[in-house]
Amino acid sequence: MKGIIQFTITKGDRYFVAQGVDLPIVTQGETLDELTHNIREAVDLALENENASEFGLTPTPSVLVNFEHALMIDIQPLMHFVFTRCLVNFVEGFMLFGRNKLNDLR
């Protein structure tokens, strides 16, 4: 028996959306506070007059949420800087190493 009901939360254009992993529940809210309230209400309604053990749950399960939020960062300029700096270091090192080798051959 599980003592936890899991939800995954995603952010849409306008609403936060919670989707049940263990129960077929989907709800939404404009804020995370509203969504939290709606999740509690939806779980209560889904388990009302039901035997929680039929869903593989303990009589008083807890709710666990996972909020997934993508952070978009433009890393191209940073990658270009890092690659350019590595290339400069490589060329400087090669030139230094090459000069030393030339002096050794003379």
PDB file of N, CA and C in Angstrom:
ATOM      1  N   MET A   1       0.834  -1.181   0.000  1.00  0.00           N
ATOM      2  CA  MET A   1       0.000   0.000   0.000  1.00  0.00           C
ATOM      3  C   MET A   1       0.882   1.249   0.000  1.00  0.00           C
ATOM      4  N   LYS A   2       0.505   2.195  -0.822  1.00  0.00           N
ATOM      5  CA  LYS A   2       1.243   3.446  -0.914  1.00  0.00           C
ATOM      6  C   LYS A   2       0.621   4.480   0.013  1.00  0.00           C
ATOM      7  N   GLY A   3       1.485   5.265   0.631  1.00  0.00           N
ATOM      8  CA  GLY A   3       1.010   6.318   1.509  1.00  0.00           C
ATOM      9  C   GLY A   3       1.128   7.692   0.876  1.00  0.00           C
ATOM     10  N   ILE A   4       1.480   7.709  -0.415  1.00  0.00           N
ATOM     11  CA  ILE A   4       1.692   8.989  -1.098  1.00  0.00           C
ATOM     12  C   ILE A   4       0.965   8.986  -2.441  1.00  0.00           C
ATOM     13  N   ILE A   5       0.268  10.078  -2.725  1.00  0.00           N
ATOM     14  CA  ILE A   5      -0.345  10.305  -4.037  1.00  0.00           C
ATOM     15  C   ILE A   5       0.524  11.350  -4.735  1.00  0.00           C
ATOM     16  N   GLN A   6       1.045  11.010  -5.889  1.00  0.00           N
ATOM     17  CA  GLN A   6       1.960  11.900  -6.595  1.00  0.00           C
ATOM     18  C   GLN A   6       1.261  12.713  -7.680  1.00  0.00           C
ATOM     19  N   PHE A   7       1.720  13.961  -7.823  1.00  0.00           N
ATOM     20  CA  PHE A   7       1.253  14.857  -8.871  1.00  0.00           C
ATOM     21  C   PHE A   7       2.452  15.490  -9.551  1.00  0.00           C
ATOM     22  N   THR A   8       2.321  15.721 -10.841  1.00  0.00           N
ATOM     23  CA  THR A   8       3.308  16.477 -11.597  1.00  0.00           C
ATOM     24  C   THR A   8       2.672  17.809 -11.973  1.00  0.00           C
ATOM     25  N   ILE A   9       3.389  18.896 -11.679  1.00  0.00           N
ATOM     26  CA  ILE A   9       2.879  20.236 -11.985  1.00  0.00           C
ATOM     27  C   ILE A   9       3.694  20.833 -13.121  1.00  0.00           C
ATOM     28  N   THR A  10       3.015  21.375 -14.094  1.00  0.00           N
ATOM     29  CA  THR A  10       3.667  22.083 -15.189  1.00  0.00           C
ATOM     30  C   THR A  10       3.053  23.482 -15.292  1.00  0.00           C
ATOM     31  N   LYS A  11       3.784  24.374 -15.915  1.00  0.00           N
ATOM     32  CA  LYS A  11       3.301  25.754 -16.100  1.00  0.00           C
ATOM     33  C   LYS A  11       2.913  25.932 -17.545  1.00  0.00           C
ATOM     34  N   GLY A  12       1.651  26.224 -17.769  1.00  0.00           N
ATOM     35  CA  GLY A  12       1.182  26.523 -19.115  1.00  0.00           C
ATOM     36  C   GLY A  12       1.325  28.007 -19.387  1.00  0.00           C
ATOM     37  N   ASP A  13       0.704  28.471 -20.450  1.00  0.00           N
ATOM     38  CA  ASP A  13       0.767  29.894 -20.772  1.00  0.00           C
ATOM     39  C   ASP A  13       0.115  30.756 -19.694  1.00  0.00           C
ATOM     40  N   ARG A  14      -0.981  30.253 -19.159  1.00  0.00           N
ATOM     41  CA  ARG A  14      -1.730  31.057 -18.191  1.00  0.00           C
ATOM     42  C   ARG A  14      -1.936  30.360 -16.851  1.00  0.00           C
ATOM     43  N   TYR A  15      -1.977  29.029 -16.853  1.00  0.00           N
ATOM     44  CA  TYR A  15      -2.310  28.273 -15.650  1.00  0.00           C
ATOM     45  C   TYR A  15      -1.211  27.290 -15.278  1.00  0.00           C
ATOM     46  N   PHE A  16      -1.147  26.983 -13.978  1.00  0.00           N
ATOM     47  CA  PHE A  16      -0.382  25.838 -13.496  1.00  0.00           C
ATOM     48  C   PHE A  16      -1.315  24.636 -13.597  1.00  0.00           C
ATOM     49  N   VAL A  17      -0.789  23.503 -14.056  1.00  0.00           N
ATOM     50  CA  VAL A  17      -1.613  22.307 -14.241  1.00  0.00           C
ATOM     51  C   VAL A  17      -1.009  21.168 -13.435  1.00  0.00           C
ATOM     52  N   ALA A  18      -1.830  20.494 -12.657  1.00  0.00           N
ATOM     53  CA  ALA A  18      -1.405  19.336 -11.871  1.00  0.00           C
ATOM     54  C   ALA A  18      -2.050  18.094 -12.450  1.00  0.00           C
ATOM     55  N   GLN A  19      -1.229  17.081 -12.682  1.00  0.00           N
ATOM     56  CA  GLN A  19      -1.728  15.819 -13.227  1.00  0.00           C
ATOM     57  C   GLN A  19      -1.327  14.707 -12.265  1.00  0.00           C
ATOM     58  N   GLY A  20      -2.315  13.925 -11.841  1.00  0.00           N
ATOM     59  CA  GLY A  20      -2.051  12.828 -10.919  1.00  0.00           C
ATOM     60  C   GLY A  20      -1.272  11.713 -11.584  1.00  0.00           C
ATOM     61  N   VAL A  21      -0.284  11.206 -10.866  1.00  0.00           N
ATOM     62  CA  VAL A  21       0.493  10.063 -11.349  1.00  0.00           C
ATOM     63  C   VAL A  21      -0.188   8.768 -10.926  1.00  0.00           C
ATOM     64  N   ASP A  22      -0.737   8.759  -9.721  1.00  0.00           N
ATOM     65  CA  ASP A  22      -1.341   7.552  -9.149  1.00  0.00           C
ATOM     66  C   ASP A  22      -2.855   7.477  -9.336  1.00  0.00           C
ATOM     67  N   LEU A  23      -3.479   8.617  -9.481  1.00  0.00           N
ATOM     68  CA  LEU A  23      -4.932   8.674  -9.679  1.00  0.00           C
ATOM     69  C   LEU A  23      -5.230   9.502 -10.916  1.00  0.00           C
ATOM     70  N   PRO A  24      -6.304   9.190 -11.618  1.00  0.00           N
ATOM     71  CA  PRO A  24      -6.649   9.977 -12.821  1.00  0.00           C
ATOM     72  C   PRO A  24      -7.281  11.316 -12.450  1.00  0.00           C
ATOM     73  N   ILE A  25      -6.424  12.227 -11.962  1.00  0.00           N
ATOM     74  CA  ILE A  25      -6.879  13.550 -11.537  1.00  0.00           C
ATOM     75  C   ILE A  25      -6.081  14.604 -12.298  1.00  0.00           C
ATOM     76  N   VAL A  26      -6.781  15.574 -12.853  1.00  0.00           N
ATOM     77  CA  VAL A  26      -6.137  16.730 -13.479  1.00  0.00           C
ATOM     78  C   VAL A  26      -6.871  17.965 -12.981  1.00  0.00           C
ATOM     79  N   THR A  27      -6.106  18.964 -12.529  1.00  0.00           N
ATOM     80  CA  THR A  27      -6.698  20.212 -12.068  1.00  0.00           C
ATOM     81  C   THR A  27      -5.751  21.353 -12.410  1.00  0.00           C
ATOM     82  N   GLN A  28      -6.240  22.578 -12.301  1.00  0.00           N
ATOM     83  CA  GLN A  28      -5.414  23.732 -12.654  1.00  0.00           C
ATOM     84  C   GLN A  28      -5.697  24.888 -11.722  1.00  0.00           C
ATOM     85  N   GLY A  29      -4.803  25.889 -11.764  1.00  0.00           N
ATOM     86  CA  GLY A  29      -4.982  27.101 -10.979  1.00  0.00           C
ATOM     87  C   GLY A  29      -4.116  28.209 -11.547  1.00  0.00           C
ATOM     88  N   GLU A  30      -4.554  29.443 -11.359  1.00  0.00           N
ATOM     89  CA  GLU A  30      -3.783  30.579 -11.868  1.00  0.00           C
ATOM     90  C   GLU A  30      -2.529  30.819 -11.040  1.00  0.00           C
ATOM     91  N   THR A  31      -2.555  30.430  -9.757  1.00  0.00           N
ATOM     92  CA  THR A  31      -1.386  30.555  -8.884  1.00  0.00           C
ATOM     93  C   THR A  31      -1.094  29.195  -8.267  1.00  0.00           C
ATOM     94  N   LEU A  32       0.100  29.059  -7.687  1.00  0.00           N
ATOM     95  CA  LEU A  32       0.434  27.799  -7.017  1.00  0.00           C
ATOM     96  C   LEU A  32      -0.430  27.592  -5.777  1.00  0.00           C
ATOM     97  N   ASP A  33      -0.776  28.672  -5.087  1.00  0.00           N
ATOM     98  CA  ASP A  33      -1.666  28.553  -3.932  1.00  0.00           C
ATOM     99  C   ASP A  33      -3.042  28.034  -4.347  1.00  0.00           C
ATOM    100  N   GLU A  34      -3.580  28.589  -5.431  1.00  0.00           N
ATOM    101  CA  GLU A  34      -4.875  28.128  -5.932  1.00  0.00           C
ATOM    102  C   GLU A  34      -4.786  26.675  -6.386  1.00  0.00           C
ATOM    103  N   LEU A  35      -3.686  26.332  -7.031  1.00  0.00           N
ATOM    104  CA  LEU A  35      -3.503  24.953  -7.498  1.00  0.00           C
ATOM    105  C   LEU A  35      -3.426  23.992  -6.315  1.00  0.00           C
ATOM    106  N   THR A  36      -2.716  24.380  -5.261  1.00  0.00           N
ATOM    107  CA  THR A  36      -2.619  23.530  -4.061  1.00  0.00           C
ATOM    108  C   THR A  36      -4.001  23.263  -3.484  1.00  0.00           C
ATOM    109  N   HIS A  37      -4.791  24.304  -3.383  1.00  0.00           N
ATOM    110  CA  HIS A  37      -6.172  24.156  -2.897  1.00  0.00           C
ATOM    111  C   HIS A  37      -6.967  23.214  -3.810  1.00  0.00           C
ATOM    112  N   ASN A  38      -6.826  23.394  -5.123  1.00  0.00           N
ATOM    113  CA  ASN A  38      -7.562  22.564  -6.077  1.00  0.00           C
ATOM    114  C   ASN A  38      -7.123  21.101  -6.035  1.00  0.00           C
ATOM    115  N   ILE A  39      -5.830  20.861  -5.800  1.00  0.00           N
ATOM    116  CA  ILE A  39      -5.345  19.474  -5.685  1.00  0.00           C
ATOM    117  C   ILE A  39      -5.986  18.810  -4.478  1.00  0.00           C
ATOM    118  N   ARG A  40      -5.965  19.500  -3.337  1.00  0.00           N
ATOM    119  CA  ARG A  40      -6.584  18.930  -2.119  1.00  0.00           C
ATOM    120  C   ARG A  40      -8.062  18.613  -2.342  1.00  0.00           C
ATOM    121  N   GLU A  41      -8.754  19.561  -2.957  1.00  0.00           N
ATOM    122  CA  GLU A  41     -10.181  19.375  -3.219  1.00  0.00           C
ATOM    123  C   GLU A  41     -10.419  18.208  -4.182  1.00  0.00           C
ATOM    124  N   ALA A  42      -9.595  18.118  -5.231  1.00  0.00           N
ATOM    125  CA  ALA A  42      -9.759  17.043  -6.224  1.00  0.00           C
ATOM    126  C   ALA A  42      -9.484  15.671  -5.613  1.00  0.00           C
ATOM    127  N   VAL A  43      -8.471  15.581  -4.760  1.00  0.00           N
ATOM    128  CA  VAL A  43      -8.163  14.297  -4.095  1.00  0.00           C
ATOM    129  C   VAL A  43      -9.317  13.914  -3.174  1.00  0.00           C
ATOM    130  N   ASP A  44      -9.796  14.874  -2.395  1.00  0.00           N
ATOM    131  CA  ASP A  44     -10.929  14.594  -1.499  1.00  0.00           C
ATOM    132  C   ASP A  44     -12.142  14.103  -2.282  1.00  0.00           C
ATOM    133  N   LEU A  45     -12.431  14.754  -3.411  1.00  0.00           N
ATOM    134  CA  LEU A  45     -13.576  14.340  -4.233  1.00  0.00           C
ATOM    135  C   LEU A  45     -13.364  12.961  -4.861  1.00  0.00           C
ATOM    136  N   ALA A  46     -12.143  12.696  -5.300  1.00  0.00           N
ATOM    137  CA  ALA A  46     -11.863  11.412  -5.952  1.00  0.00           C
ATOM    138  C   ALA A  46     -11.965  10.245  -4.972  1.00  0.00           C
ATOM    139  N   LEU A  47     -11.601  10.491  -3.711  1.00  0.00           N
ATOM    140  CA  LEU A  47     -11.613   9.406  -2.724  1.00  0.00           C
ATOM    141  C   LEU A  47     -12.874   9.399  -1.859  1.00  0.00           C
ATOM    142  N   GLU A  48     -13.755  10.383  -2.073  1.00  0.00           N
ATOM    143  CA  GLU A  48     -14.993  10.450  -1.304  1.00  0.00           C
ATOM    144  C   GLU A  48     -15.849   9.218  -1.580  1.00  0.00           C
ATOM    145  N   ASN A  49     -16.309   8.580  -0.517  1.00  0.00           N
ATOM    146  CA  ASN A  49     -17.137   7.364  -0.601  1.00  0.00           C
ATOM    147  C   ASN A  49     -16.419   6.222  -1.321  1.00  0.00           C
ATOM    148  N   GLU A  50     -15.079   6.264  -1.354  1.00  0.00           N
ATOM    149  CA  GLU A  50     -14.286   5.199  -1.969  1.00  0.00           C
ATOM    150  C   GLU A  50     -13.413   4.559  -0.904  1.00  0.00           C
ATOM    151  N   ASN A  51     -13.054   3.331  -1.139  1.00  0.00           N
ATOM    152  CA  ASN A  51     -12.116   2.644  -0.271  1.00  0.00           C
ATOM    153  C   ASN A  51     -10.718   2.879  -0.846  1.00  0.00           C
ATOM    154  N   ALA A  52      -9.890   3.629  -0.126  1.00  0.00           N
ATOM    155  CA  ALA A  52      -8.558   3.990  -0.618  1.00  0.00           C
ATOM    156  C   ALA A  52      -7.717   2.755  -0.944  1.00  0.00           C
ATOM    157  N   SER A  53      -7.958   1.651  -0.260  1.00  0.00           N
ATOM    158  CA  SER A  53      -7.181   0.430  -0.506  1.00  0.00           C
ATOM    159  C   SER A  53      -7.454  -0.142  -1.897  1.00  0.00           C
ATOM    160  N   GLU A  54      -8.612   0.171  -2.485  1.00  0.00           N
ATOM    161  CA  GLU A  54      -8.900  -0.274  -3.846  1.00  0.00           C
ATOM    162  C   GLU A  54      -7.987   0.412  -4.866  1.00  0.00           C
ATOM    163  N   PHE A  55      -7.431   1.557  -4.477  1.00  0.00           N
ATOM    164  CA  PHE A  55      -6.477   2.280  -5.326  1.00  0.00           C
ATOM    165  C   PHE A  55      -5.030   1.965  -4.917  1.00  0.00           C
ATOM    166  N   GLY A  56      -4.875   1.051  -3.970  1.00  0.00           N
ATOM    167  CA  GLY A  56      -3.542   0.697  -3.477  1.00  0.00           C
ATOM    168  C   GLY A  56      -2.981   1.733  -2.524  1.00  0.00           C
ATOM    169  N   LEU A  57      -3.878   2.501  -1.869  1.00  0.00           N
ATOM    170  CA  LEU A  57      -3.449   3.581  -0.979  1.00  0.00           C
ATOM    171  C   LEU A  57      -3.809   3.267   0.465  1.00  0.00           C
ATOM    172  N   THR A  58      -3.034   3.843   1.379  1.00  0.00           N
ATOM    173  CA  THR A  58      -3.361   3.756   2.796  1.00  0.00           C
ATOM    174  C   THR A  58      -4.606   4.610   3.057  1.00  0.00           C
ATOM    175  N   PRO A  59      -5.253   4.438   4.203  1.00  0.00           N
ATOM    176  CA  PRO A  59      -6.477   5.203   4.474  1.00  0.00           C
ATOM    177  C   PRO A  59      -6.288   6.724   4.467  1.00  0.00           C
ATOM    178  N   THR A  60      -5.122   7.225   4.849  1.00  0.00           N
ATOM    179  CA  THR A  60      -4.877   8.680   4.862  1.00  0.00           C
ATOM    180  C   THR A  60      -3.568   8.987   4.134  1.00  0.00           C
ATOM    181  N   PRO A  61      -3.582   8.946   2.803  1.00  0.00           N
ATOM    182  CA  PRO A  61      -2.346   9.186   2.056  1.00  0.00           C
ATOM    183  C   PRO A  61      -1.951  10.668   2.049  1.00  0.00           C
ATOM    184  N   SER A  62      -0.653  10.899   1.901  1.00  0.00           N
ATOM    185  CA  SER A  62      -0.132  12.260   1.738  1.00  0.00           C
ATOM    186  C   SER A  62      -0.051  12.578   0.256  1.00  0.00           C
ATOM    187  N   VAL A  63       0.101  13.861  -0.063  1.00  0.00           N
ATOM    188  CA  VAL A  63       0.221  14.292  -1.453  1.00  0.00           C
ATOM    189  C   VAL A  63       1.639  14.811  -1.673  1.00  0.00           C
ATOM    190  N   LEU A  64       2.275  14.344  -2.745  1.00  0.00           N
ATOM    191  CA  LEU A  64       3.617  14.782  -3.129  1.00  0.00           C
ATOM    192  C   LEU A  64       3.529  15.379  -4.521  1.00  0.00           C
ATOM    193  N   VAL A  65       4.040  16.606  -4.686  1.00  0.00           N
ATOM    194  CA  VAL A  65       4.004  17.250  -5.997  1.00  0.00           C
ATOM    195  C   VAL A  65       5.416  17.450  -6.517  1.00  0.00           C
ATOM    196  N   ASN A  66       5.550  17.370  -7.818  1.00  0.00           N
ATOM    197  CA  ASN A  66       6.809  17.607  -8.512  1.00  0.00           C
ATOM    198  C   ASN A  66       6.553  18.713  -9.517  1.00  0.00           C
ATOM    199  N   PHE A  67       7.194  19.867  -9.317  1.00  0.00           N
ATOM    200  CA  PHE A  67       6.989  21.009 -10.196  1.00  0.00           C
ATOM    201  C   PHE A  67       8.122  21.041 -11.215  1.00  0.00           C
ATOM    202  N   GLU A  68       7.776  20.894 -12.485  1.00  0.00           N
ATOM    203  CA  GLU A  68       8.750  20.940 -13.563  1.00  0.00           C
ATOM    204  C   GLU A  68       8.628  22.279 -14.266  1.00  0.00           C
ATOM    205  N   HIS A  69       9.739  23.003 -14.314  1.00  0.00           N
ATOM    206  CA  HIS A  69       9.714  24.313 -14.965  1.00  0.00           C
ATOM    207  C   HIS A  69      10.990  24.465 -15.774  1.00  0.00           C
ATOM    208  N   ALA A  70      10.854  24.680 -17.054  1.00  0.00           N
ATOM    209  CA  ALA A  70      12.018  24.833 -17.922  1.00  0.00           C
ATOM    210  C   ALA A  70      12.521  26.270 -17.822  1.00  0.00           C
ATOM    211  N   LEU A  71      13.824  26.416 -17.689  1.00  0.00           N
ATOM    212  CA  LEU A  71      14.458  27.716 -17.660  1.00  0.00           C
ATOM    213  C   LEU A  71      15.211  27.880 -18.967  1.00  0.00           C
ATOM    214  N   MET A  72      14.770  28.818 -19.772  1.00  0.00           N
ATOM    215  CA  MET A  72      15.377  29.019 -21.078  1.00  0.00           C
ATOM    216  C   MET A  72      16.480  30.066 -20.981  1.00  0.00           C
ATOM    217  N   ILE A  73      17.689  29.664 -21.331  1.00  0.00           N
ATOM    218  CA  ILE A  73      18.832  30.566 -21.305  1.00  0.00           C
ATOM    219  C   ILE A  73      19.523  30.478 -22.655  1.00  0.00           C
ATOM    220  N   ASP A  74      19.854  31.627 -23.206  1.00  0.00           N
ATOM    221  CA  ASP A  74      20.592  31.649 -24.463  1.00  0.00           C
ATOM    222  C   ASP A  74      22.068  31.460 -24.136  1.00  0.00           C
ATOM    223  N   ILE A  75      22.585  30.250 -24.381  1.00  0.00           N
ATOM    224  CA  ILE A  75      23.975  29.955 -24.023  1.00  0.00           C
ATOM    225  C   ILE A  75      24.915  30.070 -25.207  1.00  0.00           C
ATOM    226  N   GLN A  76      24.414  30.395 -26.371  1.00  0.00           N
ATOM    227  CA  GLN A  76      25.273  30.493 -27.545  1.00  0.00           C
ATOM    228  C   GLN A  76      26.415  31.488 -27.352  1.00  0.00           C
ATOM    229  N   PRO A  77      26.164  32.730 -26.883  1.00  0.00           N
ATOM    230  CA  PRO A  77      27.290  33.658 -26.702  1.00  0.00           C
ATOM    231  C   PRO A  77      28.317  33.120 -25.709  1.00  0.00           C
ATOM    232  N   LEU A  78      27.833  32.485 -24.632  1.00  0.00           N
ATOM    233  CA  LEU A  78      28.740  31.919 -23.643  1.00  0.00           C
ATOM    234  C   LEU A  78      29.559  30.788 -24.243  1.00  0.00           C
ATOM    235  N   MET A  79      28.910  29.910 -24.998  1.00  0.00           N
ATOM    236  CA  MET A  79      29.630  28.794 -25.620  1.00  0.00           C
ATOM    237  C   MET A  79      30.670  29.321 -26.605  1.00  0.00           C
ATOM    238  N   HIS A  80      30.315  30.353 -27.347  1.00  0.00           N
ATOM    239  CA  HIS A  80      31.239  30.934 -28.304  1.00  0.00           C
ATOM    240  C   HIS A  80      32.468  31.483 -27.575  1.00  0.00           C
ATOM    241  N   PHE A  81      32.243  32.166 -26.444  1.00  0.00           N
ATOM    242  CA  PHE A  81      33.349  32.722 -25.674  1.00  0.00           C
ATOM    243  C   PHE A  81      34.248  31.604 -25.155  1.00  0.00           C
ATOM    244  N   VAL A  82      33.645  30.565 -24.592  1.00  0.00           N
ATOM    245  CA  VAL A  82      34.428  29.452 -24.033  1.00  0.00           C
ATOM    246  C   VAL A  82      35.215  28.772 -25.145  1.00  0.00           C
ATOM    247  N   PHE A  83      34.580  28.493 -26.281  1.00  0.00           N
ATOM    248  CA  PHE A  83      35.272  27.841 -27.380  1.00  0.00           C
ATOM    249  C   PHE A  83      36.407  28.722 -27.900  1.00  0.00           C
ATOM    250  N   THR A  84      36.144  30.024 -28.064  1.00  0.00           N
ATOM    251  CA  THR A  84      37.173  30.951 -28.553  1.00  0.00           C
ATOM    252  C   THR A  84      38.338  30.993 -27.582  1.00  0.00           C
ATOM    253  N   ARG A  85      38.057  31.064 -26.293  1.00  0.00           N
ATOM    254  CA  ARG A  85      39.112  31.129 -25.284  1.00  0.00           C
ATOM    255  C   ARG A  85      39.936  29.840 -25.299  1.00  0.00           C
ATOM    256  N   CYS A  86      39.298  28.694 -25.428  1.00  0.00           N
ATOM    257  CA  CYS A  86      40.018  27.417 -25.496  1.00  0.00           C
ATOM    258  C   CYS A  86      40.889  27.371 -26.738  1.00  0.00           C
ATOM    259  N   LEU A  87      40.358  27.856 -27.854  1.00  0.00           N
ATOM    260  CA  LEU A  87      41.120  27.858 -29.099  1.00  0.00           C
ATOM    261  C   LEU A  87      42.338  28.764 -28.975  1.00  0.00           C
ATOM    262  N   VAL A  88      42.160  29.944 -28.360  1.00  0.00           N
ATOM    263  CA  VAL A  88      43.289  30.858 -28.158  1.00  0.00           C
ATOM    264  C   VAL A  88      44.330  30.206 -27.258  1.00  0.00           C
ATOM    265  N   ASN A  89      43.888  29.572 -26.169  1.00  0.00           N
ATOM    266  CA  ASN A  89      44.833  28.892 -25.277  1.00  0.00           C
ATOM    267  C   ASN A  89      45.578  27.788 -26.014  1.00  0.00           C
ATOM    268  N   PHE A  90      44.864  27.038 -26.852  1.00  0.00           N
ATOM    269  CA  PHE A  90      45.494  25.958 -27.606  1.00  0.00           C
ATOM    270  C   PHE A  90      46.534  26.511 -28.570  1.00  0.00           C
ATOM    271  N   VAL A  91      46.175  27.570 -29.306  1.00  0.00           N
ATOM    272  CA  VAL A  91      47.101  28.166 -30.278  1.00  0.00           C
ATOM    273  C   VAL A  91      48.312  28.746 -29.561  1.00  0.00           C
ATOM    274  N   GLU A  92      48.092  29.480 -28.452  1.00  0.00           N
ATOM    275  CA  GLU A  92      49.216  30.048 -27.709  1.00  0.00           C
ATOM    276  C   GLU A  92      50.126  28.945 -27.187  1.00  0.00           C
ATOM    277  N   GLY A  93      49.534  27.886 -26.655  1.00  0.00           N
ATOM    278  CA  GLY A  93      50.325  26.760 -26.152  1.00  0.00           C
ATOM    279  C   GLY A  93      51.080  26.064 -27.265  1.00  0.00           C
ATOM    280  N   PHE A  94      50.438  25.881 -28.410  1.00  0.00           N
ATOM    281  CA  PHE A  94      51.083  25.226 -29.546  1.00  0.00           C
ATOM    282  C   PHE A  94      52.243  26.069 -30.062  1.00  0.00           C
ATOM    283  N   MET A  95      52.009  27.388 -30.139  1.00  0.00           N
ATOM    284  CA  MET A  95      53.067  28.268 -30.631  1.00  0.00           C
ATOM    285  C   MET A  95      54.251  28.247 -29.676  1.00  0.00           C
ATOM    286  N   LEU A  96      53.994  28.279 -28.369  1.00  0.00           N
ATOM    287  CA  LEU A  96      55.061  28.232 -27.386  1.00  0.00           C
ATOM    288  C   LEU A  96      55.799  26.902 -27.472  1.00  0.00           C
ATOM    289  N   PHE A  97      55.039  25.830 -27.544  1.00  0.00           N
ATOM    290  CA  PHE A  97      55.634  24.499 -27.646  1.00  0.00           C
ATOM    291  C   PHE A  97      56.419  24.376 -28.948  1.00  0.00           C
ATOM    292  N   GLY A  98      55.862  24.882 -30.046  1.00  0.00           N
ATOM    293  CA  GLY A  98      56.546  24.827 -31.343  1.00  0.00           C
ATOM    294  C   GLY A  98      57.841  25.596 -31.318  1.00  0.00           C
ATOM    295  N   ARG A  99      57.888  26.778 -30.728  1.00  0.00           N
ATOM    296  CA  ARG A  99      59.111  27.563 -30.646  1.00  0.00           C
ATOM    297  C   ARG A  99      60.171  26.827 -29.856  1.00  0.00           C
ATOM    298  N   ASN A 100      59.760  26.224 -28.753  1.00  0.00           N
ATOM    299  CA  ASN A 100      60.730  25.487 -27.934  1.00  0.00           C
ATOM    300  C   ASN A 100      61.295  24.319 -28.713  1.00  0.00           C
ATOM    301  N   LYS A 101      60.467  23.621 -29.456  1.00  0.00           N
ATOM    302  CA  LYS A 101      60.935  22.483 -30.263  1.00  0.00           C
ATOM    303  C   LYS A 101      61.895  22.952 -31.349  1.00  0.00           C
ATOM    304  N   LEU A 102      61.585  24.108 -31.976  1.00  0.00           N
ATOM    305  CA  LEU A 102      62.479  24.634 -33.010  1.00  0.00           C
ATOM    306  C   LEU A 102      63.845  24.973 -32.417  1.00  0.00           C
ATOM    307  N   ASN A 103      63.847  25.579 -31.228  1.00  0.00           N
ATOM    308  CA  ASN A 103      65.112  25.901 -30.582  1.00  0.00           C
ATOM    309  C   ASN A 103      65.887  24.644 -30.224  1.00  0.00           C
ATOM    310  N   ASP A 104      65.195  23.577 -29.844  1.00  0.00           N
ATOM    311  CA  ASP A 104      65.868  22.310 -29.526  1.00  0.00           C
ATOM    312  C   ASP A 104      66.493  21.695 -30.759  1.00  0.00           C
ATOM    313  N   LEU A 105      65.869  21.888 -31.930  1.00  0.00           N
ATOM    314  CA  LEU A 105      66.403  21.297 -33.156  1.00  0.00           C
ATOM    315  C   LEU A 105      67.614  22.048 -33.680  1.00  0.00           C
ATOM    316  N   ARG A 106      67.822  23.284 -33.335  1.00  0.00           N
ATOM    317  CA  ARG A 106      68.944  24.069 -33.860  1.00  0.00           C
ATOM    318  C   ARG A 106      70.234  23.678 -33.253  1.00  0.00           C
TER     319      ARG A 106
END
